Amino acid sequence: MTRPEEARPLRVLQITDPHLMAREDGALLGVNTRDSLSAVVQEVLRTHGQPDLILATGDLAQDASERAYRVFGDSLSSFHCGSAWLAGNHDDSGTLSRIAREYQADRRQVLQGGWHFVLLDSSVHGKVYGELADSELEFLEGALTEYPDTPTLVALHHHPVDIGADWMEKIGLRNREALWAVLERHPQVRIVLWGHVHQEHEEIRNGVQLLATPSTCIQFTSGARDFSVEPLAPGYRWLELESDGHFRTEVHRAVAFEFELDQKSAGY
């Protein structure tokens, strides 16, 4: 017997750090980023099927080009649901917002399936590290105050906690304690979700589940002191959210995707 539509959990797909380029043959450390994103999309459909919502958590483009953002939008056409995009350090937030609007993906708040989603822009023009402007913190405070009884997921690009990789600590969220000061006033926040780190990370802080997700292209070596990449397959995160605030999540990788990674690079 099929479960009624309203009884099943909300299915959310997180895609992050595709680093697309205007050039069709654009590659990052030897990996064609269009091909790797396509492999991830096909893996989602094969393994999990159709999501109800897509969260794209930054570094959608490597070159911040209009063309790259449109390629990203078109790549989601296999999914029969809406998406919401946010900027990372490689993105131009103005260009991204303008193209996202064409795809109706410029939403900063989403209410769906009994959950509240709040997307924050942690990008700082010309910098790799992240920071939340006062206006972003005020937006977050207002959004959480508006829906105090709704389970909430907060998404941003930069990591708001240490992840155990020395070289990445200088390029995370600079004013993370300002973020946590807001979040800890609002116990309905269940999940904080981000990209940027190109690896899986999970921990719990004061009852909040913290989640980082692999890139759809290259992967950084977990726990590395200096910049390092490892030949793990591109991936994504799948979440199933119950209206009572309970949830399940897993990371899945497109292991059939074949690539040759330049592991000698000192950066990207």
C-alpha atoms as a PDB file:
ATOM      1  CA  MET A   1       0.000   0.000   0.000  1.00  0.00           C
ATOM      2  CA  THR A   2       1.350   3.435  -0.911  1.00  0.00           C
ATOM      3  CA  ARG A   3       1.733   5.848   1.988  1.00  0.00           C
ATOM      4  CA  PRO A   4      -0.323   8.999   1.657  1.00  0.00           C
ATOM      5  CA  GLU A   5       1.724  11.892   0.291  1.00  0.00           C
ATOM      6  CA  GLU A   6       1.289  13.885   3.484  1.00  0.00           C
ATOM      7  CA  ALA A   7       2.456  10.950   5.652  1.00  0.00           C
ATOM      8  CA  ARG A   8       5.874  10.432   4.117  1.00  0.00           C
ATOM      9  CA  PRO A   9       8.963  12.456   5.092  1.00  0.00           C
ATOM     10  CA  LEU A  10      10.109  15.458   3.088  1.00  0.00           C
ATOM     11  CA  ARG A  11      12.985  14.403   0.830  1.00  0.00           C
ATOM     12  CA  VAL A  12      15.745  16.995   0.559  1.00  0.00           C
ATOM     13  CA  LEU A  13      18.804  16.790  -1.686  1.00  0.00           C
ATOM     14  CA  GLN A  14      21.909  18.799  -0.877  1.00  0.00           C
ATOM     15  CA  ILE A  15      24.263  19.451  -3.763  1.00  0.00           C
ATOM     16  CA  THR A  16      27.370  21.482  -3.050  1.00  0.00           C
ATOM     17  CA  ASP A  17      30.583  22.799  -4.585  1.00  0.00           C
ATOM     18  CA  PRO A  18      30.167  21.747  -8.224  1.00  0.00           C
ATOM     19  CA  HIS A  19      32.674  24.443  -9.375  1.00  0.00           C
ATOM     20  CA  LEU A  20      31.202  24.692 -12.860  1.00  0.00           C
ATOM     21  CA  MET A  21      32.814  26.803 -15.586  1.00  0.00           C
ATOM     22  CA  ALA A  22      31.707  28.556 -18.722  1.00  0.00           C
ATOM     23  CA  ARG A  23      33.860  26.190 -20.787  1.00  0.00           C
ATOM     24  CA  GLU A  24      32.330  22.814 -21.480  1.00  0.00           C
ATOM     25  CA  ASP A  25      35.705  21.142 -20.886  1.00  0.00           C
ATOM     26  CA  GLY A  26      36.317  23.050 -17.657  1.00  0.00           C
ATOM     27  CA  ALA A  27      38.152  20.847 -15.159  1.00  0.00           C
ATOM     28  CA  LEU A  28      39.285  21.172 -11.558  1.00  0.00           C
ATOM     29  CA  LEU A  29      42.467  19.229 -10.739  1.00  0.00           C
ATOM     30  CA  GLY A  30      41.830  17.017 -13.738  1.00  0.00           C
ATOM     31  CA  VAL A  31      38.120  16.403 -13.052  1.00  0.00           C
ATOM     32  CA  ASN A  32      35.595  17.711 -15.578  1.00  0.00           C
ATOM     33  CA  THR A  33      33.121  19.379 -13.249  1.00  0.00           C
ATOM     34  CA  ARG A  34      30.159  19.180 -15.617  1.00  0.00           C
ATOM     35  CA  ASP A  35      30.678  15.452 -16.041  1.00  0.00           C
ATOM     36  CA  SER A  36      31.019  14.850 -12.301  1.00  0.00           C
ATOM     37  CA  LEU A  37      27.857  16.839 -11.548  1.00  0.00           C
ATOM     38  CA  SER A  38      25.991  14.890 -14.211  1.00  0.00           C
ATOM     39  CA  ALA A  39      27.186  11.632 -12.636  1.00  0.00           C
ATOM     40  CA  VAL A  40      25.892  12.781  -9.246  1.00  0.00           C
ATOM     41  CA  VAL A  41      22.502  13.752 -10.670  1.00  0.00           C
ATOM     42  CA  GLN A  42      22.155  10.338 -12.285  1.00  0.00           C
ATOM     43  CA  GLU A  43      23.199   8.645  -9.036  1.00  0.00           C
ATOM     44  CA  VAL A  44      20.544  10.557  -7.101  1.00  0.00           C
ATOM     45  CA  LEU A  45      17.854   9.441  -9.524  1.00  0.00           C
ATOM     46  CA  ARG A  46      19.086   5.847  -9.526  1.00  0.00           C
ATOM     47  CA  THR A  47      19.519   5.508  -5.765  1.00  0.00           C
ATOM     48  CA  HIS A  48      16.988   7.833  -4.165  1.00  0.00           C
ATOM     49  CA  GLY A  49      14.632   9.010  -6.908  1.00  0.00           C
ATOM     50  CA  GLN A  50      12.968  12.397  -6.941  1.00  0.00           C
ATOM     51  CA  PRO A  51      13.569  14.853  -4.087  1.00  0.00           C
ATOM     52  CA  ASP A  52      10.991  17.375  -2.899  1.00  0.00           C
ATOM     53  CA  LEU A  53      13.522  20.194  -2.478  1.00  0.00           C
ATOM     54  CA  ILE A  54      17.122  20.848  -3.524  1.00  0.00           C
ATOM     55  CA  LEU A  55      19.550  22.939  -1.460  1.00  0.00           C
ATOM     56  CA  ALA A  56      22.607  24.087  -3.421  1.00  0.00           C
ATOM     57  CA  THR A  57      25.120  25.286  -0.855  1.00  0.00           C
ATOM     58  CA  GLY A  58      27.675  27.326  -2.731  1.00  0.00           C
ATOM     59  CA  ASP A  59      30.647  27.342  -5.087  1.00  0.00           C
ATOM     60  CA  LEU A  60      28.221  26.556  -7.857  1.00  0.00           C
ATOM     61  CA  ALA A  61      30.669  28.181 -10.271  1.00  0.00           C
ATOM     62  CA  GLN A  62      34.460  28.209 -10.262  1.00  0.00           C
ATOM     63  CA  ASP A  63      34.632  31.237 -12.574  1.00  0.00           C
ATOM     64  CA  ALA A  64      31.476  33.078 -11.370  1.00  0.00           C
ATOM     65  CA  SER A  65      30.229  33.224 -14.972  1.00  0.00           C
ATOM     66  CA  GLU A  66      26.605  33.585 -16.016  1.00  0.00           C
ATOM     67  CA  ARG A  67      27.063  30.602 -18.282  1.00  0.00           C
ATOM     68  CA  ALA A  68      28.187  28.365 -15.409  1.00  0.00           C
ATOM     69  CA  TYR A  69      25.137  29.284 -13.326  1.00  0.00           C
ATOM     70  CA  ARG A  70      22.804  28.555 -16.215  1.00  0.00           C
ATOM     71  CA  VAL A  71      24.517  25.207 -16.771  1.00  0.00           C
ATOM     72  CA  PHE A  72      23.889  24.460 -13.108  1.00  0.00           C
ATOM     73  CA  GLY A  73      20.232  25.433 -13.363  1.00  0.00           C
ATOM     74  CA  ASP A  74      19.777  23.318 -16.473  1.00  0.00           C
ATOM     75  CA  SER A  75      21.488  20.360 -14.794  1.00  0.00           C
ATOM     76  CA  LEU A  76      18.645  20.243 -12.267  1.00  0.00           C
ATOM     77  CA  SER A  77      15.997  19.849 -14.960  1.00  0.00           C
ATOM     78  CA  SER A  78      15.834  16.081 -14.291  1.00  0.00           C
ATOM     79  CA  PHE A  79      14.333  16.865 -10.884  1.00  0.00           C
ATOM     80  CA  HIS A  80      10.658  17.746 -10.557  1.00  0.00           C
ATOM     81  CA  CYS A  81      10.995  20.106  -7.611  1.00  0.00           C
ATOM     82  CA  GLY A  82      12.159  23.542  -6.628  1.00  0.00           C
ATOM     83  CA  SER A  83      15.646  24.497  -5.529  1.00  0.00           C
ATOM     84  CA  ALA A  84      17.293  27.194  -3.460  1.00  0.00           C
ATOM     85  CA  TRP A  85      20.850  28.373  -4.153  1.00  0.00           C
ATOM     86  CA  LEU A  86      23.331  30.200  -1.957  1.00  0.00           C
ATOM     87  CA  ALA A  87      26.757  31.679  -2.648  1.00  0.00           C
ATOM     88  CA  GLY A  88      30.203  30.376  -1.790  1.00  0.00           C
ATOM     89  CA  ASN A  89      33.615  31.992  -1.944  1.00  0.00           C
ATOM     90  CA  HIS A  90      34.118  31.229  -5.644  1.00  0.00           C
ATOM     91  CA  ASP A  91      30.721  32.664  -6.553  1.00  0.00           C
ATOM     92  CA  ASP A  92      29.729  36.213  -7.342  1.00  0.00           C
ATOM     93  CA  SER A  93      26.686  36.588  -5.118  1.00  0.00           C
ATOM     94  CA  GLY A  94      25.077  39.244  -7.323  1.00  0.00           C
ATOM     95  CA  THR A  95      25.420  37.226 -10.515  1.00  0.00           C
ATOM     96  CA  LEU A  96      24.330  34.042  -8.766  1.00  0.00           C
ATOM     97  CA  SER A  97      21.238  35.733  -7.312  1.00  0.00           C
ATOM     98  CA  ARG A  98      20.261  37.165 -10.681  1.00  0.00           C
ATOM     99  CA  ILE A  99      20.545  33.834 -12.506  1.00  0.00           C
ATOM    100  CA  ALA A 100      18.958  31.959  -9.598  1.00  0.00           C
ATOM    101  CA  ARG A 101      15.956  34.255  -9.970  1.00  0.00           C
ATOM    102  CA  GLU A 102      15.539  33.001 -13.547  1.00  0.00           C
ATOM    103  CA  TYR A 103      15.257  29.467 -12.134  1.00  0.00           C
ATOM    104  CA  GLN A 104      13.056  30.569  -9.204  1.00  0.00           C
ATOM    105  CA  ALA A 105      15.887  29.429  -6.931  1.00  0.00           C
ATOM    106  CA  ASP A 106      16.622  32.709  -5.133  1.00  0.00           C
ATOM    107  CA  ARG A 107      14.549  31.910  -2.042  1.00  0.00           C
ATOM    108  CA  ARG A 108      16.141  32.699   1.322  1.00  0.00           C
ATOM    109  CA  GLN A 109      13.380  31.004   3.322  1.00  0.00           C
ATOM    110  CA  VAL A 110      11.367  27.913   2.444  1.00  0.00           C
ATOM    111  CA  LEU A 111       8.430  26.466   4.386  1.00  0.00           C
ATOM    112  CA  GLN A 112       7.747  22.934   3.215  1.00  0.00           C
ATOM    113  CA  GLY A 113       6.811  19.575   4.685  1.00  0.00           C
ATOM    114  CA  GLY A 114       6.463  20.983   8.173  1.00  0.00           C
ATOM    115  CA  TRP A 115      10.032  22.352   8.102  1.00  0.00           C
ATOM    116  CA  HIS A 116      11.522  25.828   7.866  1.00  0.00           C
ATOM    117  CA  PHE A 117      14.671  26.294   5.769  1.00  0.00           C
ATOM    118  CA  VAL A 118      16.814  29.410   6.155  1.00  0.00           C
ATOM    119  CA  LEU A 119      19.659  30.096   3.707  1.00  0.00           C
ATOM    120  CA  LEU A 120      22.491  32.436   4.692  1.00  0.00           C
ATOM    121  CA  ASP A 121      25.060  34.173   2.490  1.00  0.00           C
ATOM    122  CA  SER A 122      28.436  33.733   4.196  1.00  0.00           C
ATOM    123  CA  SER A 123      30.479  34.791   1.147  1.00  0.00           C
ATOM    124  CA  VAL A 124      32.849  37.763   1.355  1.00  0.00           C
ATOM    125  CA  HIS A 125      33.762  39.348  -1.983  1.00  0.00           C
ATOM    126  CA  GLY A 126      37.336  38.512  -2.948  1.00  0.00           C
ATOM    127  CA  LYS A 127      37.993  36.344   0.118  1.00  0.00           C
ATOM    128  CA  VAL A 128      38.113  32.595   0.683  1.00  0.00           C
ATOM    129  CA  TYR A 129      36.971  32.782   4.301  1.00  0.00           C
ATOM    130  CA  GLY A 130      33.358  33.404   5.231  1.00  0.00           C
ATOM    131  CA  GLU A 131      31.622  35.954   7.409  1.00  0.00           C
ATOM    132  CA  LEU A 132      28.000  36.729   8.148  1.00  0.00           C
ATOM    133  CA  ALA A 133      27.225  40.420   7.809  1.00  0.00           C
ATOM    134  CA  ASP A 134      25.119  42.049  10.500  1.00  0.00           C
ATOM    135  CA  SER A 135      22.256  42.094   8.007  1.00  0.00           C
ATOM    136  CA  GLU A 136      22.496  38.299   7.628  1.00  0.00           C
ATOM    137  CA  LEU A 137      22.458  37.761  11.372  1.00  0.00           C
ATOM    138  CA  GLU A 138      19.446  40.076  11.667  1.00  0.00           C
ATOM    139  CA  PHE A 139      17.710  38.181   8.869  1.00  0.00           C
ATOM    140  CA  LEU A 140      18.376  34.893  10.660  1.00  0.00           C
ATOM    141  CA  GLU A 141      17.111  36.243  13.980  1.00  0.00           C
ATOM    142  CA  GLY A 142      13.940  37.520  12.352  1.00  0.00           C
ATOM    143  CA  ALA A 143      13.312  34.311  10.416  1.00  0.00           C
ATOM    144  CA  LEU A 144      13.721  32.133  13.508  1.00  0.00           C
ATOM    145  CA  THR A 145      11.569  34.426  15.626  1.00  0.00           C
ATOM    146  CA  GLU A 146       8.802  34.273  13.016  1.00  0.00           C
ATOM    147  CA  TYR A 147       8.472  30.472  13.183  1.00  0.00           C
ATOM    148  CA  PRO A 148       9.420  29.446  16.732  1.00  0.00           C
ATOM    149  CA  ASP A 149       7.556  26.130  16.679  1.00  0.00           C
ATOM    150  CA  THR A 150       8.659  24.834  13.264  1.00  0.00           C
ATOM    151  CA  PRO A 151      11.642  22.447  12.975  1.00  0.00           C
ATOM    152  CA  THR A 152      14.344  24.403  11.188  1.00  0.00           C
ATOM    153  CA  LEU A 153      17.353  23.714   8.977  1.00  0.00           C
ATOM    154  CA  VAL A 154      19.899  26.522   8.534  1.00  0.00           C
ATOM    155  CA  ALA A 155      22.198  26.314   5.498  1.00  0.00           C
ATOM    156  CA  LEU A 156      25.324  28.282   4.600  1.00  0.00           C
ATOM    157  CA  HIS A 157      28.522  27.698   2.641  1.00  0.00           C
ATOM    158  CA  HIS A 158      31.339  28.032   5.175  1.00  0.00           C
ATOM    159  CA  HIS A 159      31.934  25.683   8.083  1.00  0.00           C
ATOM    160  CA  PRO A 160      30.912  27.183  11.455  1.00  0.00           C
ATOM    161  CA  VAL A 161      32.972  24.733  13.550  1.00  0.00           C
ATOM    162  CA  ASP A 162      36.477  23.263  13.424  1.00  0.00           C
ATOM    163  CA  ILE A 163      36.579  20.127  11.281  1.00  0.00           C
ATOM    164  CA  GLY A 164      40.068  18.901  12.176  1.00  0.00           C
ATOM    165  CA  ALA A 165      41.856  20.070   9.009  1.00  0.00           C
ATOM    166  CA  ASP A 166      44.447  22.709   9.930  1.00  0.00           C
ATOM    167  CA  TRP A 167      44.622  24.457   6.553  1.00  0.00           C
ATOM    168  CA  MET A 168      40.869  24.958   6.443  1.00  0.00           C
ATOM    169  CA  GLU A 169      40.542  26.683   9.813  1.00  0.00           C
ATOM    170  CA  LYS A 170      41.643  30.016   8.344  1.00  0.00           C
ATOM    171  CA  ILE A 171      39.021  29.814   5.607  1.00  0.00           C
ATOM    172  CA  GLY A 172      35.941  28.864   7.599  1.00  0.00           C
ATOM    173  CA  LEU A 173      33.317  31.182   9.050  1.00  0.00           C
ATOM    174  CA  ARG A 174      35.161  33.996  10.845  1.00  0.00           C
ATOM    175  CA  ASN A 175      32.341  35.144  13.130  1.00  0.00           C
ATOM    176  CA  ARG A 176      30.995  31.729  13.983  1.00  0.00           C
ATOM    177  CA  GLU A 177      30.265  32.638  17.602  1.00  0.00           C
ATOM    178  CA  ALA A 178      27.926  35.400  16.399  1.00  0.00           C
ATOM    179  CA  LEU A 179      26.050  32.744  14.425  1.00  0.00           C
ATOM    180  CA  TRP A 180      25.863  30.414  17.413  1.00  0.00           C
ATOM    181  CA  ALA A 181      24.669  33.224  19.670  1.00  0.00           C
ATOM    182  CA  VAL A 182      21.607  33.522  17.433  1.00  0.00           C
ATOM    183  CA  LEU A 183      21.045  29.799  16.955  1.00  0.00           C
ATOM    184  CA  GLU A 184      21.245  28.987  20.632  1.00  0.00           C
ATOM    185  CA  ARG A 185      18.348  31.356  21.348  1.00  0.00           C
ATOM    186  CA  HIS A 186      16.103  29.272  19.086  1.00  0.00           C
ATOM    187  CA  PRO A 187      15.722  25.620  20.110  1.00  0.00           C
ATOM    188  CA  GLN A 188      13.658  24.764  17.031  1.00  0.00           C
ATOM    189  CA  VAL A 189      16.879  24.663  14.971  1.00  0.00           C
ATOM    190  CA  ARG A 190      17.559  20.966  14.354  1.00  0.00           C
ATOM    191  CA  ILE A 191      20.186  21.029  11.585  1.00  0.00           C
ATOM    192  CA  VAL A 192      22.997  23.298  10.386  1.00  0.00           C
ATOM    193  CA  LEU A 193      24.177  22.302   6.916  1.00  0.00           C
ATOM    194  CA  TRP A 194      27.116  23.513   4.829  1.00  0.00           C
ATOM    195  CA  GLY A 195      29.512  22.829   1.961  1.00  0.00           C
ATOM    196  CA  HIS A 196      32.983  24.340   1.308  1.00  0.00           C
ATOM    197  CA  VAL A 197      35.006  21.579   2.973  1.00  0.00           C
ATOM    198  CA  HIS A 198      34.624  18.992   0.171  1.00  0.00           C
ATOM    199  CA  GLN A 199      34.231  16.145   2.650  1.00  0.00           C
ATOM    200  CA  GLU A 200      31.719  14.530   4.967  1.00  0.00           C
ATOM    201  CA  HIS A 201      31.533  15.777   8.535  1.00  0.00           C
ATOM    202  CA  GLU A 202      28.963  15.170  11.268  1.00  0.00           C
ATOM    203  CA  GLU A 203      28.796  16.245  14.892  1.00  0.00           C
ATOM    204  CA  ILE A 204      26.257  17.453  17.407  1.00  0.00           C
ATOM    205  CA  ARG A 205      26.449  20.779  19.241  1.00  0.00           C
ATOM    206  CA  ASN A 206      23.940  21.532  21.973  1.00  0.00           C
ATOM    207  CA  GLY A 207      21.457  19.151  20.376  1.00  0.00           C
ATOM    208  CA  VAL A 208      21.876  20.585  16.863  1.00  0.00           C
ATOM    209  CA  GLN A 209      23.011  18.193  14.130  1.00  0.00           C
ATOM    210  CA  LEU A 210      25.920  19.682  12.155  1.00  0.00           C
ATOM    211  CA  LEU A 211      26.446  18.331   8.645  1.00  0.00           C
ATOM    212  CA  ALA A 212      29.019  18.918   5.912  1.00  0.00           C
ATOM    213  CA  THR A 213      28.799  17.221   2.555  1.00  0.00           C
ATOM    214  CA  PRO A 214      31.209  16.066  -0.183  1.00  0.00           C
ATOM    215  CA  SER A 215      31.571  18.078  -3.357  1.00  0.00           C
ATOM    216  CA  THR A 216      30.112  16.963  -6.656  1.00  0.00           C
ATOM    217  CA  CYS A 217      33.679  17.188  -8.019  1.00  0.00           C
ATOM    218  CA  ILE A 218      36.983  16.883  -6.070  1.00  0.00           C
ATOM    219  CA  GLN A 219      37.329  15.849  -2.408  1.00  0.00           C
ATOM    220  CA  PHE A 220      39.693  17.309   0.194  1.00  0.00           C
ATOM    221  CA  THR A 221      41.568  14.864   2.405  1.00  0.00           C
ATOM    222  CA  SER A 222      39.898  14.572   5.784  1.00  0.00           C
ATOM    223  CA  GLY A 223      42.071  15.667   8.700  1.00  0.00           C
ATOM    224  CA  ALA A 224      44.883  17.040   6.504  1.00  0.00           C
ATOM    225  CA  ARG A 225      47.301  19.630   7.925  1.00  0.00           C
ATOM    226  CA  ASP A 226      47.989  21.148   4.482  1.00  0.00           C
ATOM    227  CA  PHE A 227      45.982  21.304   1.260  1.00  0.00           C
ATOM    228  CA  SER A 228      45.460  17.781  -0.004  1.00  0.00           C
ATOM    229  CA  VAL A 229      42.927  15.955  -2.155  1.00  0.00           C
ATOM    230  CA  GLU A 230      42.000  12.288  -2.215  1.00  0.00           C
ATOM    231  CA  PRO A 231      40.476  10.189  -5.021  1.00  0.00           C
ATOM    232  CA  LEU A 232      37.044   9.704  -3.464  1.00  0.00           C
ATOM    233  CA  ALA A 233      34.042   9.770  -5.774  1.00  0.00           C
ATOM    234  CA  PRO A 234      31.829  12.864  -6.045  1.00  0.00           C
ATOM    235  CA  GLY A 235      28.842  12.835  -3.718  1.00  0.00           C
ATOM    236  CA  TYR A 236      25.709  14.404  -2.304  1.00  0.00           C
ATOM    237  CA  ARG A 237      23.621  14.367   0.863  1.00  0.00           C
ATOM    238  CA  TRP A 238      20.076  13.019   1.106  1.00  0.00           C
ATOM    239  CA  LEU A 239      17.817  13.996   4.004  1.00  0.00           C
ATOM    240  CA  GLU A 240      14.391  12.692   4.977  1.00  0.00           C
ATOM    241  CA  LEU A 241      12.642  15.083   7.352  1.00  0.00           C
ATOM    242  CA  GLU A 242       9.593  14.220   9.418  1.00  0.00           C
ATOM    243  CA  SER A 243       7.152  16.981  10.318  1.00  0.00           C
ATOM    244  CA  ASP A 244       7.685  16.272  14.031  1.00  0.00           C
ATOM    245  CA  GLY A 245      11.349  17.300  13.741  1.00  0.00           C
ATOM    246  CA  HIS A 246      12.889  13.847  13.447  1.00  0.00           C
ATOM    247  CA  PHE A 247      15.115  13.161  10.442  1.00  0.00           C
ATOM    248  CA  ARG A 248      17.433  10.724   8.712  1.00  0.00           C
ATOM    249  CA  THR A 249      20.368  11.584   6.499  1.00  0.00           C
ATOM    250  CA  GLU A 250      23.102   9.890   4.520  1.00  0.00           C
ATOM    251  CA  VAL A 251      25.899  10.762   2.130  1.00  0.00           C
ATOM    252  CA  HIS A 252      26.041   8.838  -1.126  1.00  0.00           C
ATOM    253  CA  ARG A 253      28.723   8.842  -3.828  1.00  0.00           C
ATOM    254  CA  ALA A 254      28.727   8.262  -7.573  1.00  0.00           C
ATOM    255  CA  VAL A 255      31.289   5.487  -7.334  1.00  0.00           C
ATOM    256  CA  ALA A 256      30.897   4.470 -10.987  1.00  0.00           C
ATOM    257  CA  PHE A 257      32.215   7.859 -12.155  1.00  0.00           C
ATOM    258  CA  GLU A 258      35.728   7.443 -13.580  1.00  0.00           C
ATOM    259  CA  PHE A 259      38.252  10.276 -13.260  1.00  0.00           C
ATOM    260  CA  GLU A 260      41.964  10.999 -12.956  1.00  0.00           C
ATOM    261  CA  LEU A 261      42.666  13.358 -10.080  1.00  0.00           C
ATOM    262  CA  ASP A 262      45.755  15.557  -9.933  1.00  0.00           C
ATOM    263  CA  GLN A 263      46.855  14.806  -6.379  1.00  0.00           C
ATOM    264  CA  LYS A 264      50.093  16.816  -6.649  1.00  0.00           C
ATOM    265  CA  SER A 265      48.396  20.210  -6.745  1.00  0.00           C
ATOM    266  CA  ALA A 266      49.035  22.663  -3.905  1.00  0.00           C
ATOM    267  CA  GLY A 267      45.704  24.431  -4.400  1.00  0.00           C
ATOM    268  CA  TYR A 268      42.666  24.859  -6.600  1.00  0.00           C
END
